[in-house]
Amino acid sequence: MEAVKVVIATYDDWEGLYVNGELRTEGHSINLHDFVDLINDHKVFESMEVVEISEGCLEEHGNCPMNLDDMY
């Protein structure tokens, strides 16, 4: 099983959950069931980190961008 990179991007009261750079879910908080599903789906993690989204990025995209690379 291939290890995945997980990033939780946050700004104020909005969060996005990225797996290998692709948005998996977003909202006012990351749903516990979504996180448990992520663990069950992948089981092996290369890294997990929390990053901050800029307000400008959220305004530009209207929400979290579909691709993590578009955030920077």
PDB file of N, CA and C in Angstrom:
ATOM      1  N   MET A   1       0.846  -1.175   0.000  1.00  0.00           N
ATOM      2  CA  MET A   1       0.000   0.000   0.000  1.00  0.00           C
ATOM      3  C   MET A   1       0.891   1.237   0.000  1.00  0.00           C
ATOM      4  N   GLU A   2       0.548   2.186  -0.863  1.00  0.00           N
ATOM      5  CA  GLU A   2       1.345   3.397  -1.014  1.00  0.00           C
ATOM      6  C   GLU A   2       1.022   4.414   0.082  1.00  0.00           C
ATOM      7  N   ALA A   3       2.054   5.012   0.652  1.00  0.00           N
ATOM      8  CA  ALA A   3       1.881   6.037   1.682  1.00  0.00           C
ATOM      9  C   ALA A   3       1.362   7.323   1.048  1.00  0.00           C
ATOM     10  N   VAL A   4       0.494   8.036   1.764  1.00  0.00           N
ATOM     11  CA  VAL A   4      -0.078   9.284   1.261  1.00  0.00           C
ATOM     12  C   VAL A   4       0.327  10.458   2.141  1.00  0.00           C
ATOM     13  N   LYS A   5       0.306  11.642   1.534  1.00  0.00           N
ATOM     14  CA  LYS A   5       0.550  12.883   2.265  1.00  0.00           C
ATOM     15  C   LYS A   5      -0.792  13.533   2.562  1.00  0.00           C
ATOM     16  N   VAL A   6      -1.006  13.874   3.812  1.00  0.00           N
ATOM     17  CA  VAL A   6      -2.257  14.487   4.241  1.00  0.00           C
ATOM     18  C   VAL A   6      -1.967  15.907   4.721  1.00  0.00           C
ATOM     19  N   VAL A   7      -2.757  16.852   4.229  1.00  0.00           N
ATOM     20  CA  VAL A   7      -2.639  18.246   4.656  1.00  0.00           C
ATOM     21  C   VAL A   7      -4.026  18.739   5.048  1.00  0.00           C
ATOM     22  N   ILE A   8      -4.104  19.363   6.206  1.00  0.00           N
ATOM     23  CA  ILE A   8      -5.321  20.060   6.613  1.00  0.00           C
ATOM     24  C   ILE A   8      -5.016  21.549   6.492  1.00  0.00           C
ATOM     25  N   ALA A   9      -5.744  22.214   5.598  1.00  0.00           N
ATOM     26  CA  ALA A   9      -5.558  23.637   5.365  1.00  0.00           C
ATOM     27  C   ALA A   9      -6.659  24.390   6.101  1.00  0.00           C
ATOM     28  N   THR A  10      -6.291  25.414   6.848  1.00  0.00           N
ATOM     29  CA  THR A  10      -7.268  26.137   7.670  1.00  0.00           C
ATOM     30  C   THR A  10      -7.179  27.639   7.441  1.00  0.00           C
ATOM     31  N   TYR A  11      -8.308  28.297   7.603  1.00  0.00           N
ATOM     32  CA  TYR A  11      -8.375  29.752   7.698  1.00  0.00           C
ATOM     33  C   TYR A  11      -9.626  30.091   8.497  1.00  0.00           C
ATOM     34  N   ASP A  12      -9.471  30.794   9.580  1.00  0.00           N
ATOM     35  CA  ASP A  12     -10.585  31.231  10.418  1.00  0.00           C
ATOM     36  C   ASP A  12     -11.456  30.017  10.765  1.00  0.00           C
ATOM     37  N   ASP A  13     -12.670  29.937  10.229  1.00  0.00           N
ATOM     38  CA  ASP A  13     -13.555  28.814  10.571  1.00  0.00           C
ATOM     39  C   ASP A  13     -13.754  27.876   9.372  1.00  0.00           C
ATOM     40  N   TRP A  14     -12.782  27.819   8.464  1.00  0.00           N
ATOM     41  CA  TRP A  14     -12.901  26.963   7.270  1.00  0.00           C
ATOM     42  C   TRP A  14     -11.693  26.028   7.184  1.00  0.00           C
ATOM     43  N   GLU A  15     -11.932  24.788   6.813  1.00  0.00           N
ATOM     44  CA  GLU A  15     -10.857  23.797   6.710  1.00  0.00           C
ATOM     45  C   GLU A  15     -11.033  22.973   5.443  1.00  0.00           C
ATOM     46  N   GLY A  16      -9.919  22.552   4.899  1.00  0.00           N
ATOM     47  CA  GLY A  16      -9.927  21.638   3.762  1.00  0.00           C
ATOM     48  C   GLY A  16      -8.994  20.477   4.050  1.00  0.00           C
ATOM     49  N   LEU A  17      -9.384  19.288   3.663  1.00  0.00           N
ATOM     50  CA  LEU A  17      -8.584  18.079   3.865  1.00  0.00           C
ATOM     51  C   LEU A  17      -8.065  17.626   2.506  1.00  0.00           C
ATOM     52  N   TYR A  18      -6.741  17.612   2.361  1.00  0.00           N
ATOM     53  CA  TYR A  18      -6.094  17.237   1.110  1.00  0.00           C
ATOM     54  C   TYR A  18      -5.357  15.909   1.276  1.00  0.00           C
ATOM     55  N   VAL A  19      -5.482  15.062   0.266  1.00  0.00           N
ATOM     56  CA  VAL A  19      -4.745  13.800   0.219  1.00  0.00           C
ATOM     57  C   VAL A  19      -3.937  13.808  -1.070  1.00  0.00           C
ATOM     58  N   ASN A  20      -2.619  13.708  -0.923  1.00  0.00           N
ATOM     59  CA  ASN A  20      -1.711  13.781  -2.073  1.00  0.00           C
ATOM     60  C   ASN A  20      -2.010  14.998  -2.951  1.00  0.00           C
ATOM     61  N   GLY A  21      -2.317  16.120  -2.302  1.00  0.00           N
ATOM     62  CA  GLY A  21      -2.494  17.379  -3.004  1.00  0.00           C
ATOM     63  C   GLY A  21      -3.873  17.629  -3.573  1.00  0.00           C
ATOM     64  N   GLU A  22      -4.792  16.669  -3.448  1.00  0.00           N
ATOM     65  CA  GLU A  22      -6.134  16.837  -3.985  1.00  0.00           C
ATOM     66  C   GLU A  22      -7.146  16.997  -2.849  1.00  0.00           C
ATOM     67  N   LEU A  23      -8.049  17.958  -3.008  1.00  0.00           N
ATOM     68  CA  LEU A  23      -9.056  18.221  -1.991  1.00  0.00           C
ATOM     69  C   LEU A  23      -9.993  17.032  -1.858  1.00  0.00           C
ATOM     70  N   ARG A  24     -10.121  16.533  -0.638  1.00  0.00           N
ATOM     71  CA  ARG A  24     -11.028  15.407  -0.376  1.00  0.00           C
ATOM     72  C   ARG A  24     -12.352  15.908   0.198  1.00  0.00           C
ATOM     73  N   THR A  25     -12.290  16.885   1.094  1.00  0.00           N
ATOM     74  CA  THR A  25     -13.499  17.461   1.682  1.00  0.00           C
ATOM     75  C   THR A  25     -13.137  18.815   2.288  1.00  0.00           C
ATOM     76  N   GLU A  26     -14.149  19.648   2.492  1.00  0.00           N
ATOM     77  CA  GLU A  26     -13.942  20.948   3.139  1.00  0.00           C
ATOM     78  C   GLU A  26     -15.218  21.358   3.850  1.00  0.00           C
ATOM     79  N   GLY A  27     -15.072  22.290   4.769  1.00  0.00           N
ATOM     80  CA  GLY A  27     -16.228  22.795   5.501  1.00  0.00           C
ATOM     81  C   GLY A  27     -15.785  23.562   6.727  1.00  0.00           C
ATOM     82  N   HIS A  28     -16.741  23.845   7.611  1.00  0.00           N
ATOM     83  CA  HIS A  28     -16.413  24.585   8.830  1.00  0.00           C
ATOM     84  C   HIS A  28     -15.562  23.757   9.777  1.00  0.00           C
ATOM     85  N   SER A  29     -15.557  22.458   9.599  1.00  0.00           N
ATOM     86  CA  SER A  29     -14.656  21.568  10.335  1.00  0.00           C
ATOM     87  C   SER A  29     -14.542  20.272   9.538  1.00  0.00           C
ATOM     88  N   ILE A  30     -13.489  19.536   9.792  1.00  0.00           N
ATOM     89  CA  ILE A  30     -13.310  18.241   9.142  1.00  0.00           C
ATOM     90  C   ILE A  30     -14.138  17.225   9.919  1.00  0.00           C
ATOM     91  N   ASN A  31     -15.056  16.602   9.230  1.00  0.00           N
ATOM     92  CA  ASN A  31     -15.935  15.612   9.830  1.00  0.00           C
ATOM     93  C   ASN A  31     -15.116  14.412  10.303  1.00  0.00           C
ATOM     94  N   LEU A  32     -15.347  13.973  11.520  1.00  0.00           N
ATOM     95  CA  LEU A  32     -14.627  12.832  12.082  1.00  0.00           C
ATOM     96  C   LEU A  32     -14.774  11.592  11.201  1.00  0.00           C
ATOM     97  N   HIS A  33     -15.950  11.383  10.645  1.00  0.00           N
ATOM     98  CA  HIS A  33     -16.178  10.213   9.786  1.00  0.00           C
ATOM     99  C   HIS A  33     -15.324  10.284   8.517  1.00  0.00           C
ATOM    100  N   ASP A  34     -15.141  11.502   7.970  1.00  0.00           N
ATOM    101  CA  ASP A  34     -14.268  11.660   6.796  1.00  0.00           C
ATOM    102  C   ASP A  34     -12.844  11.299   7.141  1.00  0.00           C
ATOM    103  N   PHE A  35     -12.400  11.685   8.339  1.00  0.00           N
ATOM    104  CA  PHE A  35     -11.023  11.394   8.742  1.00  0.00           C
ATOM    105  C   PHE A  35     -10.846   9.896   9.001  1.00  0.00           C
ATOM    106  N   VAL A  36     -11.811   9.277   9.623  1.00  0.00           N
ATOM    107  CA  VAL A  36     -11.747   7.824   9.859  1.00  0.00           C
ATOM    108  C   VAL A  36     -11.752   7.085   8.526  1.00  0.00           C
ATOM    109  N   ASP A  37     -12.580   7.519   7.577  1.00  0.00           N
ATOM    110  CA  ASP A  37     -12.583   6.909   6.246  1.00  0.00           C
ATOM    111  C   ASP A  37     -11.215   7.035   5.585  1.00  0.00           C
ATOM    112  N   LEU A  38     -10.585   8.196   5.738  1.00  0.00           N
ATOM    113  CA  LEU A  38      -9.248   8.407   5.187  1.00  0.00           C
ATOM    114  C   LEU A  38      -8.262   7.395   5.767  1.00  0.00           C
ATOM    115  N   ILE A  39      -8.299   7.217   7.064  1.00  0.00           N
ATOM    116  CA  ILE A  39      -7.404   6.260   7.726  1.00  0.00           C
ATOM    117  C   ILE A  39      -7.685   4.847   7.229  1.00  0.00           C
ATOM    118  N   ASN A  40      -8.955   4.481   7.139  1.00  0.00           N
ATOM    119  CA  ASN A  40      -9.301   3.135   6.671  1.00  0.00           C
ATOM    120  C   ASN A  40      -8.930   2.917   5.205  1.00  0.00           C
ATOM    121  N   ASP A  41      -9.054   3.960   4.387  1.00  0.00           N
ATOM    122  CA  ASP A  41      -8.745   3.839   2.964  1.00  0.00           C
ATOM    123  C   ASP A  41      -7.252   3.691   2.701  1.00  0.00           C
ATOM    124  N   HIS A  42      -6.425   4.373   3.491  1.00  0.00           N
ATOM    125  CA  HIS A  42      -4.997   4.442   3.156  1.00  0.00           C
ATOM    126  C   HIS A  42      -4.079   3.726   4.138  1.00  0.00           C
ATOM    127  N   LYS A  43      -4.347   3.799   5.383  1.00  0.00           N
ATOM    128  CA  LYS A  43      -3.617   3.107   6.449  1.00  0.00           C
ATOM    129  C   LYS A  43      -2.136   3.493   6.593  1.00  0.00           C
ATOM    130  N   VAL A  44      -1.480   3.938   5.518  1.00  0.00           N
ATOM    131  CA  VAL A  44      -0.058   4.285   5.575  1.00  0.00           C
ATOM    132  C   VAL A  44       0.090   5.750   5.168  1.00  0.00           C
ATOM    133  N   PHE A  45       0.725   6.534   6.038  1.00  0.00           N
ATOM    134  CA  PHE A  45       0.847   7.962   5.805  1.00  0.00           C
ATOM    135  C   PHE A  45       2.316   8.368   5.779  1.00  0.00           C
ATOM    136  N   GLU A  46       2.684   9.072   4.722  1.00  0.00           N
ATOM    137  CA  GLU A  46       4.044   9.598   4.613  1.00  0.00           C
ATOM    138  C   GLU A  46       4.203  10.800   5.532  1.00  0.00           C
ATOM    139  N   SER A  47       3.181  11.646   5.556  1.00  0.00           N
ATOM    140  CA  SER A  47       3.221  12.823   6.422  1.00  0.00           C
ATOM    141  C   SER A  47       1.816  13.356   6.641  1.00  0.00           C
ATOM    142  N   MET A  48       1.672  14.123   7.724  1.00  0.00           N
ATOM    143  CA  MET A  48       0.435  14.843   8.035  1.00  0.00           C
ATOM    144  C   MET A  48       0.849  16.207   8.547  1.00  0.00           C
ATOM    145  N   GLU A  49       0.222  17.246   8.006  1.00  0.00           N
ATOM    146  CA  GLU A  49       0.543  18.590   8.473  1.00  0.00           C
ATOM    147  C   GLU A  49      -0.666  19.499   8.375  1.00  0.00           C
ATOM    148  N   VAL A  50      -0.601  20.583   9.113  1.00  0.00           N
ATOM    149  CA  VAL A  50      -1.632  21.614   9.080  1.00  0.00           C
ATOM    150  C   VAL A  50      -0.982  22.876   8.531  1.00  0.00           C
ATOM    151  N   VAL A  51      -1.618  23.486   7.532  1.00  0.00           N
ATOM    152  CA  VAL A  51      -1.117  24.732   6.951  1.00  0.00           C
ATOM    153  C   VAL A  51      -2.230  25.761   6.993  1.00  0.00           C
ATOM    154  N   GLU A  52      -1.867  27.024   6.890  1.00  0.00           N
ATOM    155  CA  GLU A  52      -2.859  28.095   6.904  1.00  0.00           C
ATOM    156  C   GLU A  52      -3.124  28.577   5.480  1.00  0.00           C
ATOM    157  N   ILE A  53      -4.398  28.715   5.141  1.00  0.00           N
ATOM    158  CA  ILE A  53      -4.816  29.267   3.855  1.00  0.00           C
ATOM    159  C   ILE A  53      -4.890  30.780   4.009  1.00  0.00           C
ATOM    160  N   SER A  54      -4.530  31.503   2.984  1.00  0.00           N
ATOM    161  CA  SER A  54      -4.690  32.956   3.052  1.00  0.00           C
ATOM    162  C   SER A  54      -6.134  33.332   2.727  1.00  0.00           C
ATOM    163  N   GLU A  55      -6.553  34.435   3.276  1.00  0.00           N
ATOM    164  CA  GLU A  55      -7.901  34.929   2.988  1.00  0.00           C
ATOM    165  C   GLU A  55      -8.053  35.202   1.493  1.00  0.00           C
ATOM    166  N   GLY A  56      -6.996  35.721   0.886  1.00  0.00           N
ATOM    167  CA  GLY A  56      -7.028  36.016  -0.547  1.00  0.00           C
ATOM    168  C   GLY A  56      -7.235  34.770  -1.392  1.00  0.00           C
ATOM    169  N   CYS A  57      -6.643  33.663  -0.989  1.00  0.00           N
ATOM    170  CA  CYS A  57      -6.810  32.409  -1.722  1.00  0.00           C
ATOM    171  C   CYS A  57      -8.260  31.950  -1.668  1.00  0.00           C
ATOM    172  N   LEU A  58      -8.870  32.010  -0.495  1.00  0.00           N
ATOM    173  CA  LEU A  58     -10.271  31.611  -0.370  1.00  0.00           C
ATOM    174  C   LEU A  58     -11.182  32.533  -1.173  1.00  0.00           C
ATOM    175  N   GLU A  59     -10.889  33.824  -1.163  1.00  0.00           N
ATOM    176  CA  GLU A  59     -11.701  34.759  -1.935  1.00  0.00           C
ATOM    177  C   GLU A  59     -11.545  34.515  -3.434  1.00  0.00           C
ATOM    178  N   GLU A  60     -10.320  34.223  -3.861  1.00  0.00           N
ATOM    179  CA  GLU A  60     -10.058  33.985  -5.284  1.00  0.00           C
ATOM    180  C   GLU A  60     -10.784  32.746  -5.798  1.00  0.00           C
ATOM    181  N   HIS A  61     -10.759  31.673  -5.019  1.00  0.00           N
ATOM    182  CA  HIS A  61     -11.345  30.402  -5.445  1.00  0.00           C
ATOM    183  C   HIS A  61     -12.791  30.229  -4.993  1.00  0.00           C
ATOM    184  N   GLY A  62     -13.226  31.018  -4.017  1.00  0.00           N
ATOM    185  CA  GLY A  62     -14.573  30.874  -3.485  1.00  0.00           C
ATOM    186  C   GLY A  62     -14.682  29.792  -2.426  1.00  0.00           C
ATOM    187  N   ASN A  63     -13.658  28.997  -2.279  1.00  0.00           N
ATOM    188  CA  ASN A  63     -13.541  27.936  -1.269  1.00  0.00           C
ATOM    189  C   ASN A  63     -12.112  27.399  -1.363  1.00  0.00           C
ATOM    190  N   CYS A  64     -11.844  26.251  -0.796  1.00  0.00           N
ATOM    191  CA  CYS A  64     -10.508  25.670  -0.915  1.00  0.00           C
ATOM    192  C   CYS A  64     -10.288  25.239  -2.370  1.00  0.00           C
ATOM    193  N   PRO A  65      -9.115  25.523  -2.922  1.00  0.00           N
ATOM    194  CA  PRO A  65      -8.860  25.081  -4.291  1.00  0.00           C
ATOM    195  C   PRO A  65      -8.833  23.550  -4.373  1.00  0.00           C
ATOM    196  N   MET A  66      -9.220  23.013  -5.514  1.00  0.00           N
ATOM    197  CA  MET A  66      -9.254  21.557  -5.694  1.00  0.00           C
ATOM    198  C   MET A  66      -7.870  20.930  -5.596  1.00  0.00           C
ATOM    199  N   ASN A  67      -6.844  21.700  -5.957  1.00  0.00           N
ATOM    200  CA  ASN A  67      -5.470  21.209  -5.931  1.00  0.00           C
ATOM    201  C   ASN A  67      -4.670  22.047  -4.942  1.00  0.00           C
ATOM    202  N   LEU A  68      -3.953  21.397  -4.063  1.00  0.00           N
ATOM    203  CA  LEU A  68      -3.169  22.095  -3.035  1.00  0.00           C
ATOM    204  C   LEU A  68      -2.155  23.043  -3.653  1.00  0.00           C
ATOM    205  N   ASP A  69      -1.581  22.690  -4.801  1.00  0.00           N
ATOM    206  CA  ASP A  69      -0.595  23.561  -5.451  1.00  0.00           C
ATOM    207  C   ASP A  69      -1.188  24.912  -5.837  1.00  0.00           C
ATOM    208  N   ASP A  70      -2.505  24.978  -6.061  1.00  0.00           N
ATOM    209  CA  ASP A  70      -3.152  26.229  -6.421  1.00  0.00           C
ATOM    210  C   ASP A  70      -3.303  27.175  -5.241  1.00  0.00           C
ATOM    211  N   MET A  71      -2.991  26.699  -4.051  1.00  0.00           N
ATOM    212  CA  MET A  71      -3.107  27.506  -2.861  1.00  0.00           C
ATOM    213  C   MET A  71      -1.927  28.466  -2.720  1.00  0.00           C
ATOM    214  N   TYR A  72      -0.803  28.117  -3.298  1.00  0.00           N
ATOM    215  CA  TYR A  72       0.421  28.907  -3.085  1.00  0.00           C
ATOM    216  C   TYR A  72       0.715  29.812  -4.239  1.00  0.00           C
TER     217      TYR A  72
END
